[in-house]
N, C-alpha and C. Protein backbone atom coordinates (compact mmCIF):
# COMPACT_ATOMS: atom_id res chain seq x y z
N MET A 1 -22.23 -3.38 -5.17
CA MET A 1 -21.86 -2.32 -4.15
C MET A 1 -20.33 -2.27 -5.41
N LYS A 2 -18.87 -1.49 -5.16
CA LYS A 2 -18.36 -1.07 -5.99
C LYS A 2 -17.21 -1.76 -5.28
N ARG A 3 -15.87 -3.11 -6.55
CA ARG A 3 -15.41 -3.17 -6.21
C ARG A 3 -14.07 -2.76 -5.68
N PHE A 4 -13.66 -3.42 -4.37
CA PHE A 4 -12.12 -2.99 -4.30
C PHE A 4 -10.55 -2.46 -5.63
N PRO A 5 -10.79 -1.29 -5.58
CA PRO A 5 -9.51 -1.17 -6.68
C PRO A 5 -7.76 -1.62 -5.73
N SER A 6 -8.37 -3.23 -6.25
CA SER A 6 -6.85 -3.96 -6.57
C SER A 6 -5.81 -4.48 -6.73
N ILE A 7 -4.48 -4.34 -7.10
CA ILE A 7 -4.44 -5.37 -8.08
C ILE A 7 -4.04 -6.76 -7.04
N LYS A 8 -4.33 -8.18 -8.38
CA LYS A 8 -3.92 -8.86 -7.97
C LYS A 8 -3.36 -10.02 -8.38
N LYS A 9 -3.20 -9.82 -9.91
CA LYS A 9 -2.13 -11.13 -10.55
C LYS A 9 -1.06 -10.49 -10.59
N ASN A 10 0.03 -11.75 -10.64
CA ASN A 10 1.08 -11.85 -10.18
C ASN A 10 1.96 -10.78 -11.01
N THR A 11 1.66 -11.14 -12.51
CA THR A 11 1.77 -10.27 -13.06
C THR A 11 1.80 -8.59 -13.55
N GLU A 12 1.23 -8.23 -12.95
CA GLU A 12 1.23 -6.77 -12.80
C GLU A 12 1.82 -6.56 -11.12
N PHE A 13 2.06 -7.34 -9.63
CA PHE A 13 2.93 -6.77 -9.01
C PHE A 13 4.52 -6.42 -10.31
N ARG A 14 4.66 -7.78 -10.29
CA ARG A 14 6.27 -8.68 -11.47
C ARG A 14 6.53 -7.10 -12.21
N GLU A 15 5.29 -6.77 -12.49
CA GLU A 15 6.33 -5.33 -13.30
C GLU A 15 6.37 -3.84 -12.52
N ILE A 16 5.17 -3.94 -11.62
CA ILE A 16 5.37 -3.24 -10.73
C ILE A 16 6.37 -2.61 -10.09
N TYR A 17 6.89 -3.95 -9.65
CA TYR A 17 8.68 -4.35 -8.21
C TYR A 17 9.14 -3.90 -9.18
N ASP A 18 9.44 -4.20 -10.07
CA ASP A 18 10.52 -3.86 -11.47
C ASP A 18 10.82 -2.44 -12.17
N THR A 19 9.37 -1.91 -12.52
CA THR A 19 9.11 -0.83 -13.03
C THR A 19 9.16 1.34 -11.95
N GLY A 20 8.71 0.16 -11.09
CA GLY A 20 7.63 1.42 -10.07
C GLY A 20 9.50 1.87 -9.47
N LYS A 21 8.67 2.67 -8.40
CA LYS A 21 9.75 3.39 -7.41
C LYS A 21 9.46 3.08 -5.88
N PRO A 22 10.87 2.72 -5.11
CA PRO A 22 10.35 2.28 -4.48
C PRO A 22 10.83 3.18 -2.89
N ARG A 23 10.31 3.13 -2.31
CA ARG A 23 10.24 4.48 -1.12
C ARG A 23 10.09 3.55 0.39
N ALA A 24 10.71 4.11 1.39
CA ALA A 24 10.83 2.94 2.81
C ALA A 24 11.10 3.34 3.42
N ASN A 25 10.29 2.89 5.01
CA ASN A 25 10.18 3.01 6.27
C ASN A 25 10.61 2.10 6.87
N LYS A 26 10.02 2.54 8.16
CA LYS A 26 10.51 1.49 9.26
C LYS A 26 9.67 0.23 9.58
N TYR A 27 8.47 0.28 8.72
CA TYR A 27 7.15 -0.15 8.43
C TYR A 27 6.98 -0.83 7.65
N LEU A 28 7.49 0.02 6.28
CA LEU A 28 6.49 -0.11 4.89
C LEU A 28 7.70 -0.21 4.26
N VAL A 29 7.59 -0.73 2.65
CA VAL A 29 8.14 -0.71 1.49
C VAL A 29 7.06 -0.01 1.01
N MET A 30 6.61 0.85 0.00
CA MET A 30 6.03 1.42 -1.16
C MET A 30 5.90 1.40 -2.96
N TYR A 31 6.00 0.57 -3.43
CA TYR A 31 6.43 0.42 -5.31
C TYR A 31 5.05 1.71 -5.19
N VAL A 32 6.10 2.51 -6.53
CA VAL A 32 4.65 3.29 -6.59
C VAL A 32 4.58 2.80 -8.55
N ARG A 33 3.99 3.62 -9.50
CA ARG A 33 3.82 2.94 -10.70
C ARG A 33 3.11 4.41 -11.50
N LYS A 34 2.28 4.76 -12.39
CA LYS A 34 1.93 5.25 -12.61
C LYS A 34 0.50 4.31 -13.66
N ASN A 35 -0.81 4.41 -14.48
CA ASN A 35 -1.55 3.48 -14.46
C ASN A 35 -2.24 3.56 -15.91
N GLY A 36 -2.24 4.91 -15.77
CA GLY A 36 -2.76 5.23 -16.86
C GLY A 36 -4.46 4.84 -17.28
N LEU A 37 -4.92 5.28 -15.53
CA LEU A 37 -6.28 5.13 -15.80
C LEU A 37 -6.84 6.54 -14.64
N ASP A 38 -7.87 6.21 -14.75
CA ASP A 38 -8.51 7.50 -13.83
C ASP A 38 -8.85 7.24 -12.51
N HIS A 39 -8.17 6.18 -12.01
CA HIS A 39 -8.45 5.55 -10.55
C HIS A 39 -7.18 5.06 -9.96
N SER A 40 -6.77 5.06 -8.52
CA SER A 40 -5.49 4.54 -8.21
C SER A 40 -5.94 3.48 -7.94
N ARG A 41 -4.79 2.17 -7.47
CA ARG A 41 -4.97 0.75 -7.09
C ARG A 41 -4.18 0.37 -5.87
N ILE A 42 -4.55 -0.36 -5.10
CA ILE A 42 -3.02 -0.62 -4.19
C ILE A 42 -2.73 -2.22 -4.47
N GLY A 43 -2.05 -3.18 -4.59
CA GLY A 43 -2.00 -4.51 -3.92
C GLY A 43 -1.27 -4.55 -2.64
N ILE A 44 -1.46 -5.44 -1.81
CA ILE A 44 -0.87 -5.33 -0.40
C ILE A 44 0.47 -7.10 -0.87
N SER A 45 1.73 -6.68 -0.08
CA SER A 45 2.21 -7.58 -0.03
C SER A 45 2.60 -8.72 1.83
N VAL A 46 2.29 -8.82 2.17
CA VAL A 46 2.43 -9.67 3.90
C VAL A 46 3.49 -11.04 3.51
N SER A 47 5.00 -11.45 3.42
CA SER A 47 5.26 -12.76 4.12
C SER A 47 3.93 -13.54 5.35
N LYS A 48 5.09 -14.76 5.03
CA LYS A 48 4.58 -15.63 5.88
C LYS A 48 6.08 -14.92 7.28
N LYS A 49 6.91 -14.67 6.84
CA LYS A 49 7.85 -14.05 7.83
C LYS A 49 7.31 -12.92 9.05
N ILE A 50 6.29 -12.70 8.46
CA ILE A 50 5.53 -11.16 9.07
C ILE A 50 4.28 -12.82 10.41
N GLY A 51 3.23 -13.17 10.14
CA GLY A 51 3.09 -14.16 11.20
C GLY A 51 2.32 -14.76 10.73
N ASN A 52 1.16 -14.99 11.03
CA ASN A 52 0.78 -16.47 10.80
C ASN A 52 -1.02 -15.68 10.42
N SER A 53 -1.82 -16.45 9.59
CA SER A 53 -2.79 -16.06 8.87
C SER A 53 -3.69 -14.40 9.76
N VAL A 54 -3.43 -14.77 10.91
CA VAL A 54 -4.47 -14.04 11.33
C VAL A 54 -3.26 -12.60 11.57
N VAL A 55 -2.36 -12.50 11.84
CA VAL A 55 -1.52 -11.43 11.78
C VAL A 55 -1.55 -10.68 10.26
N ARG A 56 -1.22 -11.51 9.43
CA ARG A 56 -1.04 -11.30 7.91
C ARG A 56 -2.43 -10.79 7.54
N HIS A 57 -3.14 -11.16 7.68
CA HIS A 57 -4.58 -10.96 7.12
C HIS A 57 -4.78 -9.03 7.93
N ARG A 58 -4.87 -8.96 8.90
CA ARG A 58 -4.76 -7.98 10.28
C ARG A 58 -4.50 -6.66 9.44
N MET A 59 -3.01 -6.90 8.84
CA MET A 59 -2.50 -6.35 8.93
C MET A 59 -3.11 -5.73 6.76
N THR A 60 -3.42 -6.76 6.57
CA THR A 60 -3.67 -6.60 4.70
C THR A 60 -5.54 -4.82 5.39
N ARG A 61 -5.58 -6.07 5.37
CA ARG A 61 -7.17 -5.66 5.86
C ARG A 61 -6.34 -3.21 7.12
N LEU A 62 -5.99 -4.10 7.79
CA LEU A 62 -5.38 -2.23 7.86
C LEU A 62 -5.31 -1.78 7.15
N LEU A 63 -4.05 -2.29 6.27
CA LEU A 63 -3.70 -1.34 5.05
C LEU A 63 -4.89 -0.92 4.10
N ARG A 64 -5.44 -1.24 3.80
CA ARG A 64 -6.14 -1.50 2.68
C ARG A 64 -7.51 -0.52 2.90
N GLU A 65 -8.03 -0.52 4.26
CA GLU A 65 -8.67 0.61 4.97
C GLU A 65 -8.37 2.54 5.12
N VAL A 66 -6.59 2.18 5.86
CA VAL A 66 -6.65 3.42 5.06
C VAL A 66 -5.95 3.99 4.16
N PHE A 67 -5.81 3.24 3.10
CA PHE A 67 -6.55 3.57 1.24
C PHE A 67 -7.46 3.92 1.52
N ARG A 68 -8.60 3.74 1.86
CA ARG A 68 -9.12 3.38 1.61
C ARG A 68 -10.10 4.82 1.86
N LEU A 69 -10.12 5.12 3.23
CA LEU A 69 -9.79 6.19 3.65
C LEU A 69 -9.67 7.54 2.80
N HIS A 70 -8.59 7.25 3.07
CA HIS A 70 -7.43 8.88 2.10
C HIS A 70 -7.59 8.44 0.68
N THR A 71 -8.45 7.61 0.36
CA THR A 71 -8.32 8.00 -1.81
C THR A 71 -7.91 9.52 -2.30
N SER A 72 -8.74 9.99 -0.93
CA SER A 72 -9.51 11.42 -1.61
C SER A 72 -8.37 12.83 -1.50
N GLU A 73 -7.52 12.05 -1.22
CA GLU A 73 -6.35 13.02 -0.52
C GLU A 73 -5.45 12.36 -1.39
N ILE A 74 -5.03 11.08 -2.41
CA ILE A 74 -4.25 10.49 -2.88
C ILE A 74 -4.70 11.06 -4.17
N ARG A 75 -3.51 11.17 -5.08
CA ARG A 75 -3.22 11.82 -6.91
C ARG A 75 -3.44 10.27 -6.71
N GLN A 76 -4.19 10.42 -8.23
CA GLN A 76 -4.73 9.55 -8.90
C GLN A 76 -4.23 8.73 -10.29
N GLY A 77 -4.40 7.62 -10.47
CA GLY A 77 -3.57 7.26 -11.93
C GLY A 77 -2.22 6.44 -11.15
N ASN A 78 -2.56 5.79 -9.98
CA ASN A 78 -1.47 5.30 -9.96
C ASN A 78 -1.67 3.98 -9.36
N ASP A 79 -0.96 3.40 -9.54
CA ASP A 79 -0.94 1.90 -8.51
C ASP A 79 0.15 1.77 -7.85
N PHE A 80 -0.18 1.04 -6.96
CA PHE A 80 0.84 0.91 -5.21
C PHE A 80 0.85 -0.23 -4.56
N VAL A 81 2.45 -0.65 -4.92
CA VAL A 81 2.20 -2.05 -4.10
C VAL A 81 2.87 -1.80 -3.12
N VAL A 82 2.44 -2.04 -1.26
CA VAL A 82 2.48 -2.16 -0.62
C VAL A 82 2.76 -3.30 0.16
N VAL A 83 4.44 -3.41 0.66
CA VAL A 83 4.79 -4.45 0.99
C VAL A 83 5.06 -3.87 2.86
N VAL A 84 4.94 -5.25 3.86
CA VAL A 84 4.67 -4.72 5.14
C VAL A 84 6.37 -5.53 5.53
N ARG A 85 6.88 -4.91 6.10
CA ARG A 85 8.37 -5.34 7.49
C ARG A 85 7.23 -5.74 8.73
N LYS A 86 8.20 -6.89 8.93
CA LYS A 86 8.72 -7.21 9.52
C LYS A 86 7.93 -7.52 11.09
N THR A 87 8.65 -5.58 11.41
CA THR A 87 8.92 -4.27 12.16
C THR A 87 6.89 -4.22 12.52
N ALA A 88 6.30 -4.12 11.23
CA ALA A 88 5.35 -3.90 11.22
C ALA A 88 3.50 -5.25 11.97
N ALA A 89 4.32 -5.93 12.71
CA ALA A 89 3.45 -6.37 12.47
C ALA A 89 2.05 -6.30 13.57
N GLY A 90 2.63 -5.88 14.39
CA GLY A 90 1.88 -5.84 16.62
C GLY A 90 1.55 -4.63 15.66
N LEU A 91 1.60 -3.03 15.27
CA LEU A 91 1.29 -2.34 15.18
C LEU A 91 -0.44 -1.86 14.96
N SER A 92 -0.66 -0.64 15.42
CA SER A 92 -2.29 -0.59 15.17
C SER A 92 -2.39 0.45 13.70
N TYR A 93 -4.23 0.80 13.86
CA TYR A 93 -4.30 1.35 13.17
C TYR A 93 -4.13 2.57 12.50
N ARG A 94 -3.75 3.77 13.69
CA ARG A 94 -3.08 5.08 13.98
C ARG A 94 -1.21 4.48 13.01
N GLU A 95 -1.16 3.68 13.39
CA GLU A 95 0.45 3.43 13.54
C GLU A 95 0.53 3.84 12.38
N THR A 96 0.27 2.23 11.86
CA THR A 96 -0.18 2.22 10.37
C THR A 96 -0.70 3.48 9.50
N GLU A 97 -1.07 3.64 9.68
CA GLU A 97 -2.07 4.86 8.46
C GLU A 97 -0.38 6.31 8.64
N LYS A 98 -0.15 6.15 10.32
CA LYS A 98 0.73 6.99 9.79
C LYS A 98 2.03 7.18 9.20
N ALA A 99 2.08 5.44 8.40
CA ALA A 99 3.92 4.72 8.41
C ALA A 99 3.25 4.90 6.81
N PHE A 100 1.78 4.99 6.51
CA PHE A 100 2.05 4.70 5.29
C PHE A 100 1.33 6.11 4.49
N LEU A 101 0.58 6.52 5.48
CA LEU A 101 1.03 8.35 4.70
C LEU A 101 2.78 9.20 4.93
N HIS A 102 3.40 8.37 4.97
CA HIS A 102 4.95 9.07 5.72
C HIS A 102 5.04 8.67 4.09
N LEU A 103 4.85 7.65 2.71
CA LEU A 103 5.40 7.22 2.11
C LEU A 103 5.31 7.85 1.55
N LEU A 104 3.48 7.89 1.16
CA LEU A 104 2.58 8.67 0.25
C LEU A 104 3.24 10.34 0.41
N GLN A 105 3.98 10.71 1.16
CA GLN A 105 4.48 12.34 1.35
C GLN A 105 5.48 12.32 0.90
N LEU A 106 6.55 10.25 0.76
CA LEU A 106 7.70 11.12 0.00
C LEU A 106 8.10 10.01 -0.84
N HIS A 107 7.17 10.13 -2.13
CA HIS A 107 6.68 9.83 -3.37
C HIS A 107 6.40 11.12 -3.78
N GLY A 108 5.39 11.86 -2.66
CA GLY A 108 4.73 13.50 -3.29
C GLY A 108 3.10 13.04 -4.07
N LEU A 109 2.52 12.03 -3.34
CA LEU A 109 1.08 11.76 -3.88
C LEU A 109 0.32 11.94 -3.30
N ARG A 110 0.45 12.77 -2.05
CA ARG A 110 -0.76 12.98 -2.29
C ARG A 110 -1.02 14.28 -1.22
N THR A 111 -2.22 15.13 -1.74
CA THR A 111 -2.24 16.44 -2.04
C THR A 111 -2.72 17.22 -1.05
N GLY A 112 -3.90 16.14 0.60
CA GLY A 112 -4.15 17.21 1.24
C GLY A 112 -2.67 17.09 2.13
N SER A 113 -3.67 17.62 3.20
CA SER A 113 -2.03 17.44 5.08
C SER A 113 -2.77 16.48 6.19
């Protein structure tokens, strides 16, 4: 089984925060930076302010699944760091998907519609 392409190291998160381009909507903030690889990676940051661990992990799973299902629509070779805002705490999958795809559109990284 292939590993999920994620960003885990704090130094990588910091680098993307410092040099990446941020775009935001009501629910999410997305930082994007070119990574020089042939695939894209995602890092998800959910603060304790969002809720307890169940709520935080649910948001992480939803975002990871949206990224996985829409990988074919995303221009490859970028690192994404998605920061979940407090307003996103009770979102459904469809609402999370819509917010994520909206940010991809703002960054100009969505190939399909």
